[in-house]
Amino acid sequence: MERRTIGSAALAVGAVGLGCMPMSWAYSASQQRGAESFRAVHRALDLGSTLLDTADMYGPFTNELLVGRVLKERRSDAFVATKVGLLVGEQHIVANGRPDYVRRACDASLRRLQTDVIDLYQLHRADPEVPIEETWGAMAELVRAGKVRALGLCALGVRGRRRPGAGLYDETLRQLERVQQVFPVSAVQAELSVWSPEALESLLPWCAARGVGFLAAMPLGNGFLTGRLVPGEGFEPDDIRARHPRFTAEMMAANQPIVAGLRRTAERHGEHVTPAQVALAWVLAQGPHVIPIPGTKRERWVTENAGAAALRLTPQDLAELSRLPPAQGSWD
């Protein structure tokens, strides 16, 4: 698989990574299969999808434990990215950016991941009660201590409470400028897909101008862009899509032209190319610093996703995909 680099440290990873969250968080608990997820991570590494993206809050903690079982056997094959800054309570999720907590959380993640160093340590969310410079400074101390190789920031797009004329990622850009003064940012993680392209406006150019890697989260639109979800079929109550405005039967039906456009492009590249691979190839085409991290817990989809790294979209393909209708339905 093609290799891409993250940040000024030029950390090399496979062009398509693996989002591990669905293995233990946010999607139906009744469909979680530990053994199958374990095999899926191994399959990703076999195919060159070396970047494994996890977080301490996924589970919570169980996702890191799963990844740790793989790392115990294949640490040299993997690039492990995890996150800090969010705590899961009984009824809600809260941010915690206190430096003492960051240090304790890192040590706990290292134990669960069964490794002595985290390749990319990402701030999941900024704590509104703690200056982000203090949180980032504690994370930088971990790099100097040899527990972490590089730092990243997860970007939160503020949709519902934006001032008129404000950009989706304006607050994230301000945070990035502040933390850059403390310690270099190696990667930014944010949503990017053909039905959520907002990061192209300002966030992706910011990264490109500074040699910062961009980890494209949800590049398959929470599964919608694969074309395998059926409008009206419904989701388990504990699946995040059951409460998502874009996943009502009405909105899924309204957004089928997007899937149809991906399918047309796939058909031009041969019978074995899928809409999901086209969606991932579109993300890859947005710049050499972009690494999509599609989430899955199945070997079959890991294999399909990895195949997108070899798919080269033509200028005609990209032009047609740029003319797809915008997604219908709120993303809040």
C-alpha atoms as a PDB file:
ATOM      1  CA  MET A   1       0.000   0.000   0.000  1.00  0.00           C
ATOM      2  CA  GLU A   2       1.070   3.588  -0.662  1.00  0.00           C
ATOM      3  CA  ARG A   3       2.646   5.269   2.365  1.00  0.00           C
ATOM      4  CA  ARG A   4       1.830   8.788   3.517  1.00  0.00           C
ATOM      5  CA  THR A   5       3.497  10.947   6.145  1.00  0.00           C
ATOM      6  CA  ILE A   6       2.124  12.692   9.205  1.00  0.00           C
ATOM      7  CA  GLY A   7       3.546  16.005  10.343  1.00  0.00           C
ATOM      8  CA  SER A   8       7.016  17.499  10.304  1.00  0.00           C
ATOM      9  CA  ALA A   9       8.390  14.347  11.935  1.00  0.00           C
ATOM     10  CA  ALA A  10       7.425  12.519   8.710  1.00  0.00           C
ATOM     11  CA  LEU A  11       5.819   9.584  10.490  1.00  0.00           C
ATOM     12  CA  ALA A  12       4.971   7.063   7.756  1.00  0.00           C
ATOM     13  CA  VAL A  13       1.638   5.219   7.668  1.00  0.00           C
ATOM     14  CA  GLY A  14      -0.445   3.334   5.137  1.00  0.00           C
ATOM     15  CA  ALA A  15      -2.586   5.634   2.976  1.00  0.00           C
ATOM     16  CA  VAL A  16      -5.802   4.111   4.369  1.00  0.00           C
ATOM     17  CA  GLY A  17      -6.014   3.637   8.120  1.00  0.00           C
ATOM     18  CA  LEU A  18      -8.450   1.793  10.371  1.00  0.00           C
ATOM     19  CA  GLY A  19     -10.919   3.463  12.707  1.00  0.00           C
ATOM     20  CA  CYS A  20     -11.388   1.039  15.597  1.00  0.00           C
ATOM     21  CA  MET A  21     -14.295   2.818  17.322  1.00  0.00           C
ATOM     22  CA  PRO A  22     -17.114   0.648  15.832  1.00  0.00           C
ATOM     23  CA  MET A  23     -15.574  -2.427  17.444  1.00  0.00           C
ATOM     24  CA  SER A  24     -16.738  -1.308  20.889  1.00  0.00           C
ATOM     25  CA  TRP A  25     -18.490   2.064  20.799  1.00  0.00           C
ATOM     26  CA  ALA A  26     -21.308   4.091  19.223  1.00  0.00           C
ATOM     27  CA  TYR A  27     -22.771   1.297  17.108  1.00  0.00           C
ATOM     28  CA  SER A  28     -25.018  -1.562  18.204  1.00  0.00           C
ATOM     29  CA  ALA A  29     -23.584  -3.450  21.172  1.00  0.00           C
ATOM     30  CA  SER A  30     -25.517  -6.542  20.076  1.00  0.00           C
ATOM     31  CA  GLN A  31     -23.437  -6.626  16.885  1.00  0.00           C
ATOM     32  CA  GLN A  32     -20.054  -6.318  18.574  1.00  0.00           C
ATOM     33  CA  ARG A  33     -17.898  -9.370  18.004  1.00  0.00           C
ATOM     34  CA  GLY A  34     -14.572  -9.313  19.819  1.00  0.00           C
ATOM     35  CA  ALA A  35     -12.985 -12.204  17.942  1.00  0.00           C
ATOM     36  CA  GLU A  36     -14.011 -10.824  14.558  1.00  0.00           C
ATOM     37  CA  SER A  37     -12.739  -7.360  15.475  1.00  0.00           C
ATOM     38  CA  PHE A  38      -9.425  -8.862  16.568  1.00  0.00           C
ATOM     39  CA  ARG A  39      -9.088 -10.555  13.172  1.00  0.00           C
ATOM     40  CA  ALA A  40     -10.067  -7.335  11.407  1.00  0.00           C
ATOM     41  CA  VAL A  41      -7.202  -5.424  13.034  1.00  0.00           C
ATOM     42  CA  HIS A  42      -4.751  -8.151  12.051  1.00  0.00           C
ATOM     43  CA  ARG A  43      -6.103  -8.063   8.492  1.00  0.00           C
ATOM     44  CA  ALA A  44      -5.615  -4.308   8.325  1.00  0.00           C
ATOM     45  CA  LEU A  45      -1.965  -4.660   9.298  1.00  0.00           C
ATOM     46  CA  ASP A  46      -1.497  -7.474   6.779  1.00  0.00           C
ATOM     47  CA  LEU A  47      -2.752  -5.150   4.030  1.00  0.00           C
ATOM     48  CA  GLY A  48      -0.631  -2.169   5.048  1.00  0.00           C
ATOM     49  CA  SER A  49      -3.350  -0.191   6.837  1.00  0.00           C
ATOM     50  CA  THR A  50      -0.960   0.518   9.661  1.00  0.00           C
ATOM     51  CA  LEU A  51      -2.664   3.466  11.376  1.00  0.00           C
ATOM     52  CA  LEU A  52      -4.973   2.172  14.112  1.00  0.00           C
ATOM     53  CA  ASP A  53      -7.140   4.952  15.533  1.00  0.00           C
ATOM     54  CA  THR A  54      -8.652   4.389  18.973  1.00  0.00           C
ATOM     55  CA  ALA A  55      -9.423   6.377  22.163  1.00  0.00           C
ATOM     56  CA  ASP A  56      -9.630   5.769  25.880  1.00  0.00           C
ATOM     57  CA  MET A  57     -13.317   6.753  25.897  1.00  0.00           C
ATOM     58  CA  TYR A  58     -14.359   4.099  23.370  1.00  0.00           C
ATOM     59  CA  GLY A  59     -15.986   1.435  25.482  1.00  0.00           C
ATOM     60  CA  PRO A  60     -14.823   3.145  27.644  1.00  0.00           C
ATOM     61  CA  PHE A  61     -11.362   1.550  27.691  1.00  0.00           C
ATOM     62  CA  THR A  62     -12.324  -1.706  25.943  1.00  0.00           C
ATOM     63  CA  ASN A  63     -11.275  -0.436  22.513  1.00  0.00           C
ATOM     64  CA  GLU A  64      -7.737   0.239  23.675  1.00  0.00           C
ATOM     65  CA  LEU A  65      -7.652  -3.173  25.334  1.00  0.00           C
ATOM     66  CA  LEU A  66      -8.618  -4.817  22.038  1.00  0.00           C
ATOM     67  CA  VAL A  67      -5.989  -2.896  20.081  1.00  0.00           C
ATOM     68  CA  GLY A  68      -3.480  -3.716  22.809  1.00  0.00           C
ATOM     69  CA  ARG A  69      -3.967  -7.432  22.264  1.00  0.00           C
ATOM     70  CA  VAL A  70      -2.897  -6.954  18.649  1.00  0.00           C
ATOM     71  CA  LEU A  71      -0.022  -4.635  19.512  1.00  0.00           C
ATOM     72  CA  LYS A  72       1.356  -7.198  21.936  1.00  0.00           C
ATOM     73  CA  GLU A  73       1.933  -9.467  18.939  1.00  0.00           C
ATOM     74  CA  ARG A  74       2.641  -6.924  16.179  1.00  0.00           C
ATOM     75  CA  ARG A  75       3.794  -3.627  17.656  1.00  0.00           C
ATOM     76  CA  SER A  76       6.390  -3.039  14.924  1.00  0.00           C
ATOM     77  CA  ASP A  77       3.721  -3.346  12.210  1.00  0.00           C
ATOM     78  CA  ALA A  78       1.389  -0.728  13.658  1.00  0.00           C
ATOM     79  CA  PHE A  79       1.106   3.021  14.082  1.00  0.00           C
ATOM     80  CA  VAL A  80      -1.104   3.540  17.116  1.00  0.00           C
ATOM     81  CA  ALA A  81      -3.130   6.737  17.521  1.00  0.00           C
ATOM     82  CA  THR A  82      -5.219   7.231  20.620  1.00  0.00           C
ATOM     83  CA  LYS A  83      -6.925  10.157  22.345  1.00  0.00           C
ATOM     84  CA  VAL A  84      -7.310  11.898  25.684  1.00  0.00           C
ATOM     85  CA  GLY A  85      -9.621  14.552  27.055  1.00  0.00           C
ATOM     86  CA  LEU A  86     -13.070  13.002  27.361  1.00  0.00           C
ATOM     87  CA  LEU A  87     -14.576  11.127  30.299  1.00  0.00           C
ATOM     88  CA  VAL A  88     -17.633   8.914  29.987  1.00  0.00           C
ATOM     89  CA  GLY A  89     -20.150   9.221  32.808  1.00  0.00           C
ATOM     90  CA  GLU A  90     -23.358   7.323  33.404  1.00  0.00           C
ATOM     91  CA  GLN A  91     -25.457   9.839  31.521  1.00  0.00           C
ATOM     92  CA  HIS A  92     -23.090  12.151  29.681  1.00  0.00           C
ATOM     93  CA  ILE A  93     -19.595  12.796  28.363  1.00  0.00           C
ATOM     94  CA  VAL A  94     -17.453  15.548  29.865  1.00  0.00           C
ATOM     95  CA  ALA A  95     -14.129  17.079  28.866  1.00  0.00           C
ATOM     96  CA  ASN A  96     -11.120  16.937  31.166  1.00  0.00           C
ATOM     97  CA  GLY A  97      -7.971  18.755  30.115  1.00  0.00           C
ATOM     98  CA  ARG A  98      -6.251  19.144  33.468  1.00  0.00           C
ATOM     99  CA  PRO A  99      -2.526  18.411  33.147  1.00  0.00           C
ATOM    100  CA  ASP A 100      -2.479  15.904  36.025  1.00  0.00           C
ATOM    101  CA  TYR A 101      -5.326  14.001  34.403  1.00  0.00           C
ATOM    102  CA  VAL A 102      -3.575  13.990  31.007  1.00  0.00           C
ATOM    103  CA  ARG A 103      -0.474  12.432  32.563  1.00  0.00           C
ATOM    104  CA  ARG A 104      -2.482   9.737  34.369  1.00  0.00           C
ATOM    105  CA  ALA A 105      -4.593   9.015  31.296  1.00  0.00           C
ATOM    106  CA  CYS A 106      -1.521   8.543  29.130  1.00  0.00           C
ATOM    107  CA  ASP A 107      -0.019   6.021  31.548  1.00  0.00           C
ATOM    108  CA  ALA A 108      -3.322   4.138  31.640  1.00  0.00           C
ATOM    109  CA  SER A 109      -3.541   4.075  27.830  1.00  0.00           C
ATOM    110  CA  LEU A 110       0.008   2.761  27.591  1.00  0.00           C
ATOM    111  CA  ARG A 111      -0.904  -0.111  29.918  1.00  0.00           C
ATOM    112  CA  ARG A 112      -4.065  -0.991  28.007  1.00  0.00           C
ATOM    113  CA  LEU A 113      -2.297  -0.766  24.656  1.00  0.00           C
ATOM    114  CA  GLN A 114       0.565  -2.915  25.944  1.00  0.00           C
ATOM    115  CA  THR A 115       3.189  -0.589  24.513  1.00  0.00           C
ATOM    116  CA  ASP A 116       5.818   1.790  25.838  1.00  0.00           C
ATOM    117  CA  VAL A 117       5.071   4.579  23.364  1.00  0.00           C
ATOM    118  CA  ILE A 118       1.996   6.059  21.640  1.00  0.00           C
ATOM    119  CA  ASP A 119       2.745   7.138  18.073  1.00  0.00           C
ATOM    120  CA  LEU A 120       0.102   9.888  17.926  1.00  0.00           C
ATOM    121  CA  TYR A 121      -1.596  11.256  21.048  1.00  0.00           C
ATOM    122  CA  GLN A 122      -4.636  13.339  20.173  1.00  0.00           C
ATOM    123  CA  LEU A 123      -6.630  15.813  22.223  1.00  0.00           C
ATOM    124  CA  HIS A 124     -10.186  14.564  21.802  1.00  0.00           C
ATOM    125  CA  ARG A 125     -11.868  17.785  22.957  1.00  0.00           C
ATOM    126  CA  ALA A 126     -10.635  20.965  24.603  1.00  0.00           C
ATOM    127  CA  ASP A 127     -11.791  21.458  28.187  1.00  0.00           C
ATOM    128  CA  PRO A 128     -13.615  24.816  28.447  1.00  0.00           C
ATOM    129  CA  GLU A 129     -12.477  25.077  32.071  1.00  0.00           C
ATOM    130  CA  VAL A 130      -8.750  24.693  31.290  1.00  0.00           C
ATOM    131  CA  PRO A 131      -6.678  26.877  28.932  1.00  0.00           C
ATOM    132  CA  ILE A 132      -5.830  24.679  25.992  1.00  0.00           C
ATOM    133  CA  GLU A 133      -2.180  25.723  26.287  1.00  0.00           C
ATOM    134  CA  GLU A 134      -2.008  24.000  29.687  1.00  0.00           C
ATOM    135  CA  THR A 135      -3.480  20.769  28.340  1.00  0.00           C
ATOM    136  CA  TRP A 136      -1.234  20.834  25.288  1.00  0.00           C
ATOM    137  CA  GLY A 137       1.785  21.618  27.441  1.00  0.00           C
ATOM    138  CA  ALA A 138       1.144  18.483  29.502  1.00  0.00           C
ATOM    139  CA  MET A 139       0.883  16.473  26.297  1.00  0.00           C
ATOM    140  CA  ALA A 140       4.166  17.972  25.086  1.00  0.00           C
ATOM    141  CA  GLU A 141       5.810  16.831  28.324  1.00  0.00           C
ATOM    142  CA  LEU A 142       4.813  13.285  27.388  1.00  0.00           C
ATOM    143  CA  VAL A 143       6.700  13.621  24.102  1.00  0.00           C
ATOM    144  CA  ARG A 144       9.782  14.832  25.914  1.00  0.00           C
ATOM    145  CA  ALA A 145       9.432  11.916  28.344  1.00  0.00           C
ATOM    146  CA  GLY A 146       9.437   9.444  25.448  1.00  0.00           C
ATOM    147  CA  LYS A 147       5.899   8.200  26.102  1.00  0.00           C
ATOM    148  CA  VAL A 148       4.454   9.835  22.961  1.00  0.00           C
ATOM    149  CA  ARG A 149       5.976  10.465  19.525  1.00  0.00           C
ATOM    150  CA  ALA A 150       3.682  13.176  18.133  1.00  0.00           C
ATOM    151  CA  LEU A 151       0.599  15.209  19.026  1.00  0.00           C
ATOM    152  CA  GLY A 152      -2.707  15.704  17.238  1.00  0.00           C
ATOM    153  CA  LEU A 153      -5.949  17.613  17.722  1.00  0.00           C
ATOM    154  CA  CYS A 154      -9.465  16.399  16.976  1.00  0.00           C
ATOM    155  CA  ALA A 155     -11.456  19.174  15.335  1.00  0.00           C
ATOM    156  CA  LEU A 156     -14.987  19.868  16.474  1.00  0.00           C
ATOM    157  CA  GLY A 157     -17.116  21.587  13.863  1.00  0.00           C
ATOM    158  CA  VAL A 158     -19.545  23.989  15.542  1.00  0.00           C
ATOM    159  CA  ARG A 159     -22.689  23.939  13.413  1.00  0.00           C
ATOM    160  CA  GLY A 160     -25.715  24.925  15.436  1.00  0.00           C
ATOM    161  CA  ARG A 161     -24.334  27.915  17.385  1.00  0.00           C
ATOM    162  CA  ARG A 162     -22.256  29.675  14.761  1.00  0.00           C
ATOM    163  CA  ARG A 163     -22.311  33.432  14.369  1.00  0.00           C
ATOM    164  CA  PRO A 164     -23.537  34.675  10.971  1.00  0.00           C
ATOM    165  CA  GLY A 165     -20.679  34.385   8.507  1.00  0.00           C
ATOM    166  CA  ALA A 166     -18.575  32.201  10.801  1.00  0.00           C
ATOM    167  CA  GLY A 167     -16.942  29.074   9.421  1.00  0.00           C
ATOM    168  CA  LEU A 168     -17.610  25.600  10.754  1.00  0.00           C
ATOM    169  CA  TYR A 169     -14.049  25.182  12.031  1.00  0.00           C
ATOM    170  CA  ASP A 170     -13.231  28.744  13.066  1.00  0.00           C
ATOM    171  CA  GLU A 171     -12.914  27.794  16.736  1.00  0.00           C
ATOM    172  CA  THR A 172     -10.688  24.822  15.887  1.00  0.00           C
ATOM    173  CA  LEU A 173      -8.416  27.043  13.788  1.00  0.00           C
ATOM    174  CA  ARG A 174      -8.046  29.422  16.737  1.00  0.00           C
ATOM    175  CA  GLN A 175      -7.166  26.481  18.982  1.00  0.00           C
ATOM    176  CA  LEU A 176      -4.621  25.203  16.477  1.00  0.00           C
ATOM    177  CA  GLU A 177      -2.874  28.562  16.301  1.00  0.00           C
ATOM    178  CA  ARG A 178      -2.691  28.682  20.093  1.00  0.00           C
ATOM    179  CA  VAL A 179      -1.277  25.193  20.596  1.00  0.00           C
ATOM    180  CA  GLN A 180       1.215  25.609  17.747  1.00  0.00           C
ATOM    181  CA  GLN A 181       2.916  28.205  19.932  1.00  0.00           C
ATOM    182  CA  VAL A 182       3.447  25.547  22.615  1.00  0.00           C
ATOM    183  CA  PHE A 183       4.404  22.442  20.626  1.00  0.00           C
ATOM    184  CA  PRO A 184       4.015  21.442  16.964  1.00  0.00           C
ATOM    185  CA  VAL A 185       0.772  19.885  15.790  1.00  0.00           C
ATOM    186  CA  SER A 186       1.504  16.769  13.735  1.00  0.00           C
ATOM    187  CA  ALA A 187      -2.069  15.839  12.782  1.00  0.00           C
ATOM    188  CA  VAL A 188      -5.632  17.100  12.810  1.00  0.00           C
ATOM    189  CA  GLN A 189      -8.550  14.697  12.816  1.00  0.00           C
ATOM    190  CA  ALA A 190     -11.902  15.838  11.461  1.00  0.00           C
ATOM    191  CA  GLU A 191     -14.803  14.537   9.443  1.00  0.00           C
ATOM    192  CA  LEU A 192     -14.342  14.541   5.669  1.00  0.00           C
ATOM    193  CA  SER A 193     -16.385  12.779   3.002  1.00  0.00           C
ATOM    194  CA  VAL A 194     -18.283  13.513  -0.189  1.00  0.00           C
ATOM    195  CA  TRP A 195     -21.408  14.258   1.843  1.00  0.00           C
ATOM    196  CA  SER A 196     -19.562  16.251   4.542  1.00  0.00           C
ATOM    197  CA  PRO A 197     -16.854  18.208   2.674  1.00  0.00           C
ATOM    198  CA  GLU A 198     -16.760  21.275   4.942  1.00  0.00           C
ATOM    199  CA  ALA A 199     -13.153  20.689   6.054  1.00  0.00           C
ATOM    200  CA  LEU A 200     -12.026  21.501   2.503  1.00  0.00           C
ATOM    201  CA  GLU A 201     -12.908  25.163   3.031  1.00  0.00           C
ATOM    202  CA  SER A 202     -10.355  26.125   5.688  1.00  0.00           C
ATOM    203  CA  LEU A 203      -9.182  23.251   7.867  1.00  0.00           C
ATOM    204  CA  LEU A 204      -7.544  21.166   5.151  1.00  0.00           C
ATOM    205  CA  PRO A 205      -5.722  24.180   3.637  1.00  0.00           C
ATOM    206  CA  TRP A 206      -4.442  25.103   7.117  1.00  0.00           C
ATOM    207  CA  CYS A 207      -2.928  21.637   7.460  1.00  0.00           C
ATOM    208  CA  ALA A 208      -1.471  21.614   3.947  1.00  0.00           C
ATOM    209  CA  ALA A 209       0.222  24.973   4.447  1.00  0.00           C
ATOM    210  CA  ARG A 210       1.956  23.785   7.603  1.00  0.00           C
ATOM    211  CA  GLY A 211       2.844  20.208   6.717  1.00  0.00           C
ATOM    212  CA  VAL A 212       0.292  18.846   9.172  1.00  0.00           C
ATOM    213  CA  GLY A 213      -1.321  15.474   8.506  1.00  0.00           C
ATOM    214  CA  PHE A 214      -5.086  15.239   8.182  1.00  0.00           C
ATOM    215  CA  LEU A 215      -6.905  12.163   9.482  1.00  0.00           C
ATOM    216  CA  ALA A 216     -10.260  12.002   7.703  1.00  0.00           C
ATOM    217  CA  ALA A 217     -12.833  10.646  10.134  1.00  0.00           C
ATOM    218  CA  MET A 218     -16.106   9.135   8.931  1.00  0.00           C
ATOM    219  CA  PRO A 219     -14.998   9.086   5.269  1.00  0.00           C
ATOM    220  CA  LEU A 220     -17.845   6.675   4.497  1.00  0.00           C
ATOM    221  CA  GLY A 221     -20.504   8.816   6.151  1.00  0.00           C
ATOM    222  CA  ASN A 222     -21.174   6.397   9.022  1.00  0.00           C
ATOM    223  CA  GLY A 223     -21.769   3.678   6.443  1.00  0.00           C
ATOM    224  CA  PHE A 224     -24.210   5.579   4.234  1.00  0.00           C
ATOM    225  CA  LEU A 225     -21.762   6.059   1.369  1.00  0.00           C
ATOM    226  CA  THR A 226     -21.181   2.319   1.038  1.00  0.00           C
ATOM    227  CA  GLY A 227     -24.644   2.005  -0.509  1.00  0.00           C
ATOM    228  CA  ARG A 228     -25.448  -0.927   1.741  1.00  0.00           C
ATOM    229  CA  LEU A 229     -27.851   0.837   4.108  1.00  0.00           C
ATOM    230  CA  VAL A 230     -31.526   0.577   3.216  1.00  0.00           C
ATOM    231  CA  PRO A 231     -33.816   3.565   3.936  1.00  0.00           C
ATOM    232  CA  GLY A 232     -36.409   2.648   6.547  1.00  0.00           C
ATOM    233  CA  GLU A 233     -34.615  -0.484   7.690  1.00  0.00           C
ATOM    234  CA  GLY A 234     -33.873   1.126  11.048  1.00  0.00           C
ATOM    235  CA  PHE A 235     -31.063   0.794  13.580  1.00  0.00           C
ATOM    236  CA  GLU A 236     -30.656  -0.716  17.022  1.00  0.00           C
ATOM    237  CA  PRO A 237     -31.597   1.762  19.807  1.00  0.00           C
ATOM    238  CA  ASP A 238     -27.971   2.026  21.001  1.00  0.00           C
ATOM    239  CA  ASP A 239     -26.671   2.801  17.502  1.00  0.00           C
ATOM    240  CA  ILE A 240     -25.829   6.514  17.160  1.00  0.00           C
ATOM    241  CA  ARG A 241     -27.485   6.560  13.739  1.00  0.00           C
ATOM    242  CA  ALA A 242     -30.869   5.787  15.312  1.00  0.00           C
ATOM    243  CA  ARG A 243     -30.909   9.384  16.628  1.00  0.00           C
ATOM    244  CA  HIS A 244     -29.132  11.053  13.731  1.00  0.00           C
ATOM    245  CA  PRO A 245     -31.182  13.443  11.545  1.00  0.00           C
ATOM    246  CA  ARG A 246     -29.494  12.257   8.337  1.00  0.00           C
ATOM    247  CA  PHE A 247     -30.425   8.639   9.034  1.00  0.00           C
ATOM    248  CA  THR A 248     -34.185   8.978   9.129  1.00  0.00           C
ATOM    249  CA  ALA A 249     -35.872   6.998   6.380  1.00  0.00           C
ATOM    250  CA  GLU A 250     -36.879  10.253   4.659  1.00  0.00           C
ATOM    251  CA  MET A 251     -33.372  11.735   4.637  1.00  0.00           C
ATOM    252  CA  MET A 252     -31.707   8.486   3.616  1.00  0.00           C
ATOM    253  CA  ALA A 253     -34.050   8.288   0.655  1.00  0.00           C
ATOM    254  CA  ALA A 254     -33.395  11.940  -0.225  1.00  0.00           C
ATOM    255  CA  ASN A 255     -29.624  11.342  -0.237  1.00  0.00           C
ATOM    256  CA  GLN A 256     -29.654   8.316  -2.532  1.00  0.00           C
ATOM    257  CA  PRO A 257     -28.462  10.438  -5.516  1.00  0.00           C
ATOM    258  CA  ILE A 258     -25.108  10.767  -3.729  1.00  0.00           C
ATOM    259  CA  VAL A 259     -24.751   6.982  -3.525  1.00  0.00           C
ATOM    260  CA  ALA A 260     -25.913   6.680  -7.138  1.00  0.00           C
ATOM    261  CA  GLY A 261     -23.143   9.042  -8.223  1.00  0.00           C
ATOM    262  CA  LEU A 262     -20.524   7.000  -6.357  1.00  0.00           C
ATOM    263  CA  ARG A 263     -21.890   3.846  -7.964  1.00  0.00           C
ATOM    264  CA  ARG A 264     -21.660   5.320 -11.484  1.00  0.00           C
ATOM    265  CA  THR A 265     -18.035   6.198 -10.919  1.00  0.00           C
ATOM    266  CA  ALA A 266     -17.319   2.740  -9.518  1.00  0.00           C
ATOM    267  CA  GLU A 267     -18.850   1.067 -12.573  1.00  0.00           C
ATOM    268  CA  ARG A 268     -16.480   2.960 -14.865  1.00  0.00           C
ATOM    269  CA  HIS A 269     -13.525   1.422 -13.025  1.00  0.00           C
ATOM    270  CA  GLY A 270     -14.682  -2.177 -13.275  1.00  0.00           C
ATOM    271  CA  GLU A 271     -17.130  -4.592 -11.745  1.00  0.00           C
ATOM    272  CA  HIS A 272     -15.055  -5.168  -8.617  1.00  0.00           C
ATOM    273  CA  VAL A 273     -14.831  -1.495  -7.611  1.00  0.00           C
ATOM    274  CA  THR A 274     -17.385  -0.420  -4.990  1.00  0.00           C
ATOM    275  CA  PRO A 275     -19.019   2.898  -4.056  1.00  0.00           C
ATOM    276  CA  ALA A 276     -17.155   2.742  -0.722  1.00  0.00           C
ATOM    277  CA  GLN A 277     -13.816   2.537  -2.515  1.00  0.00           C
ATOM    278  CA  VAL A 278     -14.733   5.515  -4.684  1.00  0.00           C
ATOM    279  CA  ALA A 279     -15.711   7.500  -1.580  1.00  0.00           C
ATOM    280  CA  LEU A 280     -12.346   6.708   0.025  1.00  0.00           C
ATOM    281  CA  ALA A 281     -10.422   7.427  -3.181  1.00  0.00           C
ATOM    282  CA  TRP A 282     -12.112  10.850  -3.291  1.00  0.00           C
ATOM    283  CA  VAL A 283     -10.792  11.562   0.206  1.00  0.00           C
ATOM    284  CA  LEU A 284      -7.307  10.378  -0.749  1.00  0.00           C
ATOM    285  CA  ALA A 285      -7.383  12.685  -3.783  1.00  0.00           C
ATOM    286  CA  GLN A 286      -7.778  15.759  -1.565  1.00  0.00           C
ATOM    287  CA  GLY A 287      -4.056  15.844  -0.805  1.00  0.00           C
ATOM    288  CA  PRO A 288      -0.990  13.715  -0.087  1.00  0.00           C
ATOM    289  CA  HIS A 289      -1.259  14.600   3.612  1.00  0.00           C
ATOM    290  CA  VAL A 290      -4.778  13.125   3.933  1.00  0.00           C
ATOM    291  CA  ILE A 291      -5.297   9.679   5.484  1.00  0.00           C
ATOM    292  CA  PRO A 292      -8.879   8.361   5.656  1.00  0.00           C
ATOM    293  CA  ILE A 293      -9.624   6.224   8.707  1.00  0.00           C
ATOM    294  CA  PRO A 294     -12.813   4.296   7.866  1.00  0.00           C
ATOM    295  CA  GLY A 295     -14.236   2.457  10.845  1.00  0.00           C
ATOM    296  CA  THR A 296     -15.287  -1.184  10.727  1.00  0.00           C
ATOM    297  CA  LYS A 297     -15.147  -4.371  12.737  1.00  0.00           C
ATOM    298  CA  ARG A 298     -15.293  -6.838   9.839  1.00  0.00           C
ATOM    299  CA  GLU A 299     -12.406  -8.334   7.875  1.00  0.00           C
ATOM    300  CA  ARG A 300     -14.387  -8.128   4.652  1.00  0.00           C
ATOM    301  CA  TRP A 301     -14.790  -4.359   4.849  1.00  0.00           C
ATOM    302  CA  VAL A 302     -11.184  -3.874   6.006  1.00  0.00           C
ATOM    303  CA  THR A 303     -10.084  -5.605   2.809  1.00  0.00           C
ATOM    304  CA  GLU A 304     -12.437  -3.559   0.655  1.00  0.00           C
ATOM    305  CA  ASN A 305     -11.381  -0.284   2.262  1.00  0.00           C
ATOM    306  CA  ALA A 306      -7.676  -1.034   1.874  1.00  0.00           C
ATOM    307  CA  GLY A 307      -8.259  -1.640  -1.835  1.00  0.00           C
ATOM    308  CA  ALA A 308      -9.216   2.014  -2.260  1.00  0.00           C
ATOM    309  CA  ALA A 309      -5.543   2.974  -1.909  1.00  0.00           C
ATOM    310  CA  ALA A 310      -4.904   1.539  -5.390  1.00  0.00           C
ATOM    311  CA  LEU A 311      -7.873   3.289  -7.023  1.00  0.00           C
ATOM    312  CA  ARG A 312      -6.958   6.397  -9.023  1.00  0.00           C
ATOM    313  CA  LEU A 313      -9.842   8.665  -9.857  1.00  0.00           C
ATOM    314  CA  THR A 314      -9.616  10.534 -13.147  1.00  0.00           C
ATOM    315  CA  PRO A 315     -10.170  14.283 -13.540  1.00  0.00           C
ATOM    316  CA  GLN A 316     -13.552  13.373 -15.037  1.00  0.00           C
ATOM    317  CA  ASP A 317     -14.412  11.304 -11.964  1.00  0.00           C
ATOM    318  CA  LEU A 318     -13.469  14.100  -9.601  1.00  0.00           C
ATOM    319  CA  ALA A 319     -15.393  16.664 -11.645  1.00  0.00           C
ATOM    320  CA  GLU A 320     -18.530  14.526 -11.588  1.00  0.00           C
ATOM    321  CA  LEU A 321     -18.222  13.842  -7.876  1.00  0.00           C
ATOM    322  CA  SER A 322     -17.856  17.566  -7.220  1.00  0.00           C
ATOM    323  CA  ARG A 323     -21.252  18.057  -8.873  1.00  0.00           C
ATOM    324  CA  LEU A 324     -23.076  15.605  -6.623  1.00  0.00           C
ATOM    325  CA  PRO A 325     -26.014  17.237  -4.844  1.00  0.00           C
ATOM    326  CA  PRO A 326     -25.317  18.460  -1.320  1.00  0.00           C
ATOM    327  CA  ALA A 327     -26.502  16.167   1.447  1.00  0.00           C
ATOM    328  CA  GLN A 328     -29.994  16.714   2.756  1.00  0.00           C
ATOM    329  CA  GLY A 329     -30.729  16.767   6.464  1.00  0.00           C
ATOM    330  CA  SER A 330     -29.143  18.365   9.493  1.00  0.00           C
ATOM    331  CA  TRP A 331     -25.815  17.035  10.746  1.00  0.00           C
ATOM    332  CA  ASP A 332     -26.319  18.327  14.329  1.00  0.00           C
END
